[in-house]
Amino acid sequence: MLKAYQDYNNTVFEVIDKGLGIKTEQIEKLFLLEQKNSSPALTERQVGLGLILCKDFVQKHKGSLAVESQFGAGSRFIVTIPTL
């Protein structure tokens, strides 16, 4: 699900899923550049560059990117960018 709304002087975008969720120790590593394999079924190594680039782009626009997740219940990615 995708949500977008105005919050005070910010525009907020939320991407919400009801998937497996992310363990707390993995959330801390989401924005670090390192090779990772997110699923035992995957045979190719992943770098995880997508979220790093998203966070960098958002920060260059004076915004923030946050992650909330409960393992087994899904995740929510929140992008907040100041409204011009």
PDB file of N, CA and C in Angstrom:
ATOM      1  N   MET A   1       0.844  -1.154   0.000  1.00  0.00           N
ATOM      2  CA  MET A   1       0.000   0.000   0.000  1.00  0.00           C
ATOM      3  C   MET A   1       0.902   1.234   0.000  1.00  0.00           C
ATOM      4  N   LEU A   2       0.468   2.279  -0.690  1.00  0.00           N
ATOM      5  CA  LEU A   2       1.186   3.537  -0.742  1.00  0.00           C
ATOM      6  C   LEU A   2       0.286   4.648  -0.232  1.00  0.00           C
ATOM      7  N   LYS A   3       0.806   5.458   0.681  1.00  0.00           N
ATOM      8  CA  LYS A   3       0.067   6.606   1.226  1.00  0.00           C
ATOM      9  C   LYS A   3       0.896   7.855   0.983  1.00  0.00           C
ATOM     10  N   ALA A   4       0.225   8.976   0.756  1.00  0.00           N
ATOM     11  CA  ALA A   4       0.896  10.268   0.650  1.00  0.00           C
ATOM     12  C   ALA A   4      -0.013  11.306   1.292  1.00  0.00           C
ATOM     13  N   TYR A   5       0.585  12.174   2.114  1.00  0.00           N
ATOM     14  CA  TYR A   5      -0.211  13.199   2.784  1.00  0.00           C
ATOM     15  C   TYR A   5       0.681  14.333   3.247  1.00  0.00           C
ATOM     16  N   GLN A   6       0.067  15.462   3.582  1.00  0.00           N
ATOM     17  CA  GLN A   6       0.755  16.627   4.141  1.00  0.00           C
ATOM     18  C   GLN A   6       0.720  16.526   5.659  1.00  0.00           C
ATOM     19  N   ASP A   7       1.843  16.796   6.290  1.00  0.00           N
ATOM     20  CA  ASP A   7       1.962  16.772   7.743  1.00  0.00           C
ATOM     21  C   ASP A   7       2.740  18.013   8.159  1.00  0.00           C
ATOM     22  N   TYR A   8       2.047  19.032   8.645  1.00  0.00           N
ATOM     23  CA  TYR A   8       2.660  20.321   8.994  1.00  0.00           C
ATOM     24  C   TYR A   8       3.348  20.890   7.756  1.00  0.00           C
ATOM     25  N   ASN A   9       4.663  21.025   7.777  1.00  0.00           N
ATOM     26  CA  ASN A   9       5.395  21.588   6.645  1.00  0.00           C
ATOM     27  C   ASN A   9       6.082  20.513   5.806  1.00  0.00           C
ATOM     28  N   ASN A  10       5.598  19.293   5.877  1.00  0.00           N
ATOM     29  CA  ASN A  10       6.225  18.184   5.177  1.00  0.00           C
ATOM     30  C   ASN A  10       5.229  17.444   4.292  1.00  0.00           C
ATOM     31  N   THR A  11       5.790  16.806   3.268  1.00  0.00           N
ATOM     32  CA  THR A  11       5.030  15.831   2.495  1.00  0.00           C
ATOM     33  C   THR A  11       5.550  14.466   2.928  1.00  0.00           C
ATOM     34  N   VAL A  12       4.643  13.563   3.250  1.00  0.00           N
ATOM     35  CA  VAL A  12       5.019  12.251   3.776  1.00  0.00           C
ATOM     36  C   VAL A  12       4.525  11.174   2.822  1.00  0.00           C
ATOM     37  N   PHE A  13       5.410  10.248   2.498  1.00  0.00           N
ATOM     38  CA  PHE A  13       5.065   9.086   1.686  1.00  0.00           C
ATOM     39  C   PHE A  13       5.315   7.852   2.539  1.00  0.00           C
ATOM     40  N   GLU A  14       4.355   6.947   2.558  1.00  0.00           N
ATOM     41  CA  GLU A  14       4.525   5.693   3.302  1.00  0.00           C
ATOM     42  C   GLU A  14       4.330   4.526   2.352  1.00  0.00           C
ATOM     43  N   VAL A  15       5.246   3.583   2.411  1.00  0.00           N
ATOM     44  CA  VAL A  15       5.125   2.328   1.670  1.00  0.00           C
ATOM     45  C   VAL A  15       4.948   1.243   2.722  1.00  0.00           C
ATOM     46  N   ILE A  16       3.812   0.568   2.682  1.00  0.00           N
ATOM     47  CA  ILE A  16       3.455  -0.405   3.725  1.00  0.00           C
ATOM     48  C   ILE A  16       3.227  -1.767   3.080  1.00  0.00           C
ATOM     49  N   ASP A  17       3.802  -2.793   3.689  1.00  0.00           N
ATOM     50  CA  ASP A  17       3.523  -4.149   3.210  1.00  0.00           C
ATOM     51  C   ASP A  17       3.145  -5.045   4.384  1.00  0.00           C
ATOM     52  N   LYS A  18       2.505  -6.119   4.081  1.00  0.00           N
ATOM     53  CA  LYS A  18       2.092  -7.089   5.098  1.00  0.00           C
ATOM     54  C   LYS A  18       2.890  -8.384   4.952  1.00  0.00           C
ATOM     55  N   GLY A  19       4.152  -8.238   4.535  1.00  0.00           N
ATOM     56  CA  GLY A  19       5.028  -9.392   4.317  1.00  0.00           C
ATOM     57  C   GLY A  19       5.580  -9.954   5.604  1.00  0.00           C
ATOM     58  N   LEU A  20       6.766 -10.526   5.500  1.00  0.00           N
ATOM     59  CA  LEU A  20       7.394 -11.188   6.640  1.00  0.00           C
ATOM     60  C   LEU A  20       7.925 -10.230   7.692  1.00  0.00           C
ATOM     61  N   GLY A  21       8.132  -8.989   7.304  1.00  0.00           N
ATOM     62  CA  GLY A  21       8.715  -8.044   8.250  1.00  0.00           C
ATOM     63  C   GLY A  21      10.218  -8.195   8.308  1.00  0.00           C
ATOM     64  N   ILE A  22      10.840  -7.347   9.103  1.00  0.00           N
ATOM     65  CA  ILE A  22      12.300  -7.320   9.205  1.00  0.00           C
ATOM     66  C   ILE A  22      12.676  -7.395  10.676  1.00  0.00           C
ATOM     67  N   LYS A  23      13.626  -8.251  10.996  1.00  0.00           N
ATOM     68  CA  LYS A  23      14.104  -8.350  12.372  1.00  0.00           C
ATOM     69  C   LYS A  23      14.837  -7.070  12.757  1.00  0.00           C
ATOM     70  N   THR A  24      14.780  -6.702  14.029  1.00  0.00           N
ATOM     71  CA  THR A  24      15.383  -5.467  14.530  1.00  0.00           C
ATOM     72  C   THR A  24      16.850  -5.358  14.154  1.00  0.00           C
ATOM     73  N   GLU A  25      17.608  -6.418  14.305  1.00  0.00           N
ATOM     74  CA  GLU A  25      19.040  -6.362  13.993  1.00  0.00           C
ATOM     75  C   GLU A  25      19.287  -6.172  12.495  1.00  0.00           C
ATOM     76  N   GLN A  26      18.339  -6.585  11.654  1.00  0.00           N
ATOM     77  CA  GLN A  26      18.478  -6.380  10.214  1.00  0.00           C
ATOM     78  C   GLN A  26      18.129  -4.941   9.818  1.00  0.00           C
ATOM     79  N   ILE A  27      17.201  -4.315  10.521  1.00  0.00           N
ATOM     80  CA  ILE A  27      16.823  -2.930  10.220  1.00  0.00           C
ATOM     81  C   ILE A  27      18.040  -2.027  10.352  1.00  0.00           C
ATOM     82  N   GLU A  28      18.847  -2.248  11.370  1.00  0.00           N
ATOM     83  CA  GLU A  28      20.031  -1.425  11.599  1.00  0.00           C
ATOM     84  C   GLU A  28      21.034  -1.534  10.457  1.00  0.00           C
ATOM     85  N   LYS A  29      20.994  -2.643   9.698  1.00  0.00           N
ATOM     86  CA  LYS A  29      21.948  -2.880   8.619  1.00  0.00           C
ATOM     87  C   LYS A  29      21.387  -2.529   7.235  1.00  0.00           C
ATOM     88  N   LEU A  30      20.128  -2.136   7.146  1.00  0.00           N
ATOM     89  CA  LEU A  30      19.499  -1.875   5.852  1.00  0.00           C
ATOM     90  C   LEU A  30      20.218  -0.812   5.033  1.00  0.00           C
ATOM     91  N   PHE A  31      20.792   0.170   5.690  1.00  0.00           N
ATOM     92  CA  PHE A  31      21.394   1.292   4.991  1.00  0.00           C
ATOM     93  C   PHE A  31      22.920   1.228   4.965  1.00  0.00           C
ATOM     94  N   LEU A  32      23.468   0.029   5.216  1.00  0.00           N
ATOM     95  CA  LEU A  32      24.904  -0.180   5.147  1.00  0.00           C
ATOM     96  C   LEU A  32      25.232  -0.905   3.853  1.00  0.00           C
ATOM     97  N   LEU A  33      26.312  -0.496   3.208  1.00  0.00           N
ATOM     98  CA  LEU A  33      26.725  -1.113   1.960  1.00  0.00           C
ATOM     99  C   LEU A  33      27.530  -2.368   2.271  1.00  0.00           C
ATOM    100  N   GLU A  34      26.900  -3.500   2.083  1.00  0.00           N
ATOM    101  CA  GLU A  34      27.574  -4.777   2.284  1.00  0.00           C
ATOM    102  C   GLU A  34      26.806  -5.826   1.499  1.00  0.00           C
ATOM    103  N   GLN A  35      27.489  -6.882   1.130  1.00  0.00           N
ATOM    104  CA  GLN A  35      26.793  -7.926   0.400  1.00  0.00           C
ATOM    105  C   GLN A  35      25.894  -8.684   1.355  1.00  0.00           C
ATOM    106  N   LYS A  36      24.686  -8.974   0.886  1.00  0.00           N
ATOM    107  CA  LYS A  36      23.751  -9.711   1.725  1.00  0.00           C
ATOM    108  C   LYS A  36      22.908 -10.625   0.868  1.00  0.00           C
ATOM    109  N   ASN A  37      22.387 -11.626   1.479  1.00  0.00           N
ATOM    110  CA  ASN A  37      21.490 -12.553   0.803  1.00  0.00           C
ATOM    111  C   ASN A  37      20.228 -12.573   1.632  1.00  0.00           C
ATOM    112  N   SER A  38      19.169 -11.926   1.149  1.00  0.00           N
ATOM    113  CA  SER A  38      17.969 -11.746   1.957  1.00  0.00           C
ATOM    114  C   SER A  38      17.093 -12.992   2.028  1.00  0.00           C
ATOM    115  N   SER A  39      17.355 -13.965   1.193  1.00  0.00           N
ATOM    116  CA  SER A  39      16.531 -15.171   1.194  1.00  0.00           C
ATOM    117  C   SER A  39      17.410 -16.375   0.899  1.00  0.00           C
ATOM    118  N   PRO A  40      17.234 -17.449   1.660  1.00  0.00           N
ATOM    119  CA  PRO A  40      18.031 -18.644   1.403  1.00  0.00           C
ATOM    120  C   PRO A  40      17.769 -19.210   0.011  1.00  0.00           C
ATOM    121  N   ALA A  41      16.629 -18.878  -0.597  1.00  0.00           N
ATOM    122  CA  ALA A  41      16.295 -19.384  -1.926  1.00  0.00           C
ATOM    123  C   ALA A  41      17.072 -18.653  -3.011  1.00  0.00           C
ATOM    124  N   LEU A  42      17.596 -17.482  -2.699  1.00  0.00           N
ATOM    125  CA  LEU A  42      18.349 -16.723  -3.692  1.00  0.00           C
ATOM    126  C   LEU A  42      19.778 -17.232  -3.762  1.00  0.00           C
ATOM    127  N   THR A  43      20.255 -17.403  -4.970  1.00  0.00           N
ATOM    128  CA  THR A  43      21.636 -17.861  -5.124  1.00  0.00           C
ATOM    129  C   THR A  43      22.575 -16.710  -5.433  1.00  0.00           C
ATOM    130  N   GLU A  44      22.044 -15.568  -5.867  1.00  0.00           N
ATOM    131  CA  GLU A  44      22.879 -14.416  -6.180  1.00  0.00           C
ATOM    132  C   GLU A  44      23.008 -13.523  -4.949  1.00  0.00           C
ATOM    133  N   ARG A  45      24.205 -12.978  -4.773  1.00  0.00           N
ATOM    134  CA  ARG A  45      24.443 -12.057  -3.669  1.00  0.00           C
ATOM    135  C   ARG A  45      23.852 -10.699  -4.029  1.00  0.00           C
ATOM    136  N   GLN A  46      23.325 -10.007  -3.035  1.00  0.00           N
ATOM    137  CA  GLN A  46      22.747  -8.683  -3.241  1.00  0.00           C
ATOM    138  C   GLN A  46      23.563  -7.655  -2.487  1.00  0.00           C
ATOM    139  N   VAL A  47      23.666  -6.452  -3.052  1.00  0.00           N
ATOM    140  CA  VAL A  47      24.431  -5.398  -2.407  1.00  0.00           C
ATOM    141  C   VAL A  47      23.531  -4.541  -1.525  1.00  0.00           C
ATOM    142  N   GLY A  48      22.266  -4.378  -1.885  1.00  0.00           N
ATOM    143  CA  GLY A  48      21.361  -3.552  -1.102  1.00  0.00           C
ATOM    144  C   GLY A  48      21.544  -2.071  -1.382  1.00  0.00           C
ATOM    145  N   LEU A  49      21.918  -1.740  -2.591  1.00  0.00           N
ATOM    146  CA  LEU A  49      22.202  -0.363  -2.971  1.00  0.00           C
ATOM    147  C   LEU A  49      20.935   0.473  -3.106  1.00  0.00           C
ATOM    148  N   GLY A  50      19.802  -0.127  -3.397  1.00  0.00           N
ATOM    149  CA  GLY A  50      18.557   0.608  -3.622  1.00  0.00           C
ATOM    150  C   GLY A  50      18.147   1.483  -2.458  1.00  0.00           C
ATOM    151  N   LEU A  51      18.089   0.945  -1.264  1.00  0.00           N
ATOM    152  CA  LEU A  51      17.697   1.735  -0.095  1.00  0.00           C
ATOM    153  C   LEU A  51      18.731   2.787   0.265  1.00  0.00           C
ATOM    154  N   ILE A  52      19.996   2.485   0.044  1.00  0.00           N
ATOM    155  CA  ILE A  52      21.058   3.454   0.316  1.00  0.00           C
ATOM    156  C   ILE A  52      20.890   4.656  -0.606  1.00  0.00           C
ATOM    157  N   LEU A  53      20.628   4.400  -1.894  1.00  0.00           N
ATOM    158  CA  LEU A  53      20.423   5.489  -2.852  1.00  0.00           C
ATOM    159  C   LEU A  53      19.169   6.288  -2.519  1.00  0.00           C
ATOM    160  N   CYS A  54      18.092   5.605  -2.131  1.00  0.00           N
ATOM    161  CA  CYS A  54      16.860   6.298  -1.745  1.00  0.00           C
ATOM    162  C   CYS A  54      17.106   7.223  -0.561  1.00  0.00           C
ATOM    163  N   LYS A  55      17.775   6.713   0.459  1.00  0.00           N
ATOM    164  CA  LYS A  55      18.033   7.522   1.647  1.00  0.00           C
ATOM    165  C   LYS A  55      18.903   8.725   1.307  1.00  0.00           C
ATOM    166  N   ASP A  56      19.929   8.527   0.484  1.00  0.00           N
ATOM    167  CA  ASP A  56      20.809   9.619   0.091  1.00  0.00           C
ATOM    168  C   ASP A  56      20.030  10.687  -0.685  1.00  0.00           C
ATOM    169  N   PHE A  57      19.193  10.273  -1.619  1.00  0.00           N
ATOM    170  CA  PHE A  57      18.384  11.202  -2.407  1.00  0.00           C
ATOM    171  C   PHE A  57      17.448  12.009  -1.507  1.00  0.00           C
ATOM    172  N   VAL A  58      16.790  11.334  -0.580  1.00  0.00           N
ATOM    173  CA  VAL A  58      15.861  12.004   0.341  1.00  0.00           C
ATOM    174  C   VAL A  58      16.610  12.998   1.227  1.00  0.00           C
ATOM    175  N   GLN A  59      17.771  12.607   1.744  1.00  0.00           N
ATOM    176  CA  GLN A  59      18.549  13.495   2.604  1.00  0.00           C
ATOM    177  C   GLN A  59      19.067  14.714   1.842  1.00  0.00           C
ATOM    178  N   LYS A  60      19.394  14.555   0.569  1.00  0.00           N
ATOM    179  CA  LYS A  60      19.842  15.693  -0.250  1.00  0.00           C
ATOM    180  C   LYS A  60      18.712  16.711  -0.436  1.00  0.00           C
ATOM    181  N   HIS A  61      17.475  16.266  -0.251  1.00  0.00           N
ATOM    182  CA  HIS A  61      16.320  17.157  -0.327  1.00  0.00           C
ATOM    183  C   HIS A  61      15.830  17.545   1.074  1.00  0.00           C
ATOM    184  N   LYS A  62      16.744  17.423   2.048  1.00  0.00           N
ATOM    185  CA  LYS A  62      16.496  17.801   3.440  1.00  0.00           C
ATOM    186  C   LYS A  62      15.356  17.012   4.088  1.00  0.00           C
ATOM    187  N   GLY A  63      15.221  15.764   3.663  1.00  0.00           N
ATOM    188  CA  GLY A  63      14.181  14.903   4.194  1.00  0.00           C
ATOM    189  C   GLY A  63      14.760  13.762   5.015  1.00  0.00           C
ATOM    190  N   SER A  64      13.897  12.817   5.352  1.00  0.00           N
ATOM    191  CA  SER A  64      14.332  11.658   6.130  1.00  0.00           C
ATOM    192  C   SER A  64      13.621  10.404   5.634  1.00  0.00           C
ATOM    193  N   LEU A  65      14.252   9.275   5.877  1.00  0.00           N
ATOM    194  CA  LEU A  65      13.677   7.976   5.537  1.00  0.00           C
ATOM    195  C   LEU A  65      13.748   7.116   6.788  1.00  0.00           C
ATOM    196  N   ALA A  66      12.603   6.623   7.237  1.00  0.00           N
ATOM    197  CA  ALA A  66      12.558   5.798   8.451  1.00  0.00           C
ATOM    198  C   ALA A  66      11.927   4.446   8.124  1.00  0.00           C
ATOM    199  N   VAL A  67      12.244   3.464   8.939  1.00  0.00           N
ATOM    200  CA  VAL A  67      11.703   2.114   8.772  1.00  0.00           C
ATOM    201  C   VAL A  67      11.088   1.671  10.087  1.00  0.00           C
ATOM    202  N   GLU A  68       9.863   1.156   9.993  1.00  0.00           N
ATOM    203  CA  GLU A  68       9.211   0.524  11.138  1.00  0.00           C
ATOM    204  C   GLU A  68       8.826  -0.873  10.684  1.00  0.00           C
ATOM    205  N   SER A  69       9.126  -1.860  11.478  1.00  0.00           N
ATOM    206  CA  SER A  69       8.795  -3.223  11.089  1.00  0.00           C
ATOM    207  C   SER A  69       8.591  -4.101  12.313  1.00  0.00           C
ATOM    208  N   GLN A  70       7.714  -5.032  12.138  1.00  0.00           N
ATOM    209  CA  GLN A  70       7.490  -6.050  13.158  1.00  0.00           C
ATOM    210  C   GLN A  70       7.657  -7.390  12.459  1.00  0.00           C
ATOM    211  N   PHE A  71       8.641  -8.163  12.904  1.00  0.00           N
ATOM    212  CA  PHE A  71       8.910  -9.440  12.248  1.00  0.00           C
ATOM    213  C   PHE A  71       7.660 -10.318  12.290  1.00  0.00           C
ATOM    214  N   GLY A  72       7.263 -10.790  11.134  1.00  0.00           N
ATOM    215  CA  GLY A  72       6.070 -11.621  11.021  1.00  0.00           C
ATOM    216  C   GLY A  72       4.806 -10.839  10.712  1.00  0.00           C
ATOM    217  N   ALA A  73       4.896  -9.498  10.680  1.00  0.00           N
ATOM    218  CA  ALA A  73       3.683  -8.696  10.479  1.00  0.00           C
ATOM    219  C   ALA A  73       3.816  -7.628   9.395  1.00  0.00           C
ATOM    220  N   GLY A  74       4.990  -7.452   8.807  1.00  0.00           N
ATOM    221  CA  GLY A  74       5.135  -6.473   7.746  1.00  0.00           C
ATOM    222  C   GLY A  74       6.003  -5.288   8.119  1.00  0.00           C
ATOM    223  N   SER A  75       6.156  -4.377   7.153  1.00  0.00           N
ATOM    224  CA  SER A  75       7.046  -3.233   7.313  1.00  0.00           C
ATOM    225  C   SER A  75       6.402  -1.957   6.796  1.00  0.00           C
ATOM    226  N   ARG A  76       6.938  -0.847   7.272  1.00  0.00           N
ATOM    227  CA  ARG A  76       6.487   0.469   6.817  1.00  0.00           C
ATOM    228  C   ARG A  76       7.715   1.343   6.629  1.00  0.00           C
ATOM    229  N   PHE A  77       7.879   1.876   5.421  1.00  0.00           N
ATOM    230  CA  PHE A  77       8.957   2.794   5.094  1.00  0.00           C
ATOM    231  C   PHE A  77       8.336   4.174   4.970  1.00  0.00           C
ATOM    232  N   ILE A  78       8.872   5.146   5.706  1.00  0.00           N
ATOM    233  CA  ILE A  78       8.301   6.489   5.756  1.00  0.00           C
ATOM    234  C   ILE A  78       9.324   7.491   5.223  1.00  0.00           C
ATOM    235  N   VAL A  79       8.956   8.181   4.141  1.00  0.00           N
ATOM    236  CA  VAL A  79       9.787   9.216   3.556  1.00  0.00           C
ATOM    237  C   VAL A  79       9.130  10.550   3.850  1.00  0.00           C
ATOM    238  N   THR A  80       9.883  11.452   4.474  1.00  0.00           N
ATOM    239  CA  THR A  80       9.374  12.787   4.815  1.00  0.00           C
ATOM    240  C   THR A  80      10.258  13.818   4.119  1.00  0.00           C
ATOM    241  N   ILE A  81       9.628  14.695   3.334  1.00  0.00           N
ATOM    242  CA  ILE A  81      10.343  15.735   2.609  1.00  0.00           C
ATOM    243  C   ILE A  81       9.674  17.075   2.897  1.00  0.00           C
ATOM    244  N   PRO A  82      10.462  18.102   3.230  1.00  0.00           N
ATOM    245  CA  PRO A  82       9.874  19.419   3.490  1.00  0.00           C
ATOM    246  C   PRO A  82       9.083  19.920   2.276  1.00  0.00           C
ATOM    247  N   THR A  83       7.916  20.488   2.536  1.00  0.00           N
ATOM    248  CA  THR A  83       7.111  21.064   1.468  1.00  0.00           C
ATOM    249  C   THR A  83       7.641  22.449   1.155  1.00  0.00           C
ATOM    250  N   LEU A  84       7.770  22.734  -0.110  1.00  0.00           N
ATOM    251  CA  LEU A  84       8.308  24.050  -0.532  1.00  0.00           C
ATOM    252  C   LEU A  84       7.317  25.136  -0.277  1.00  0.00           C
TER     253      LEU A  84
END
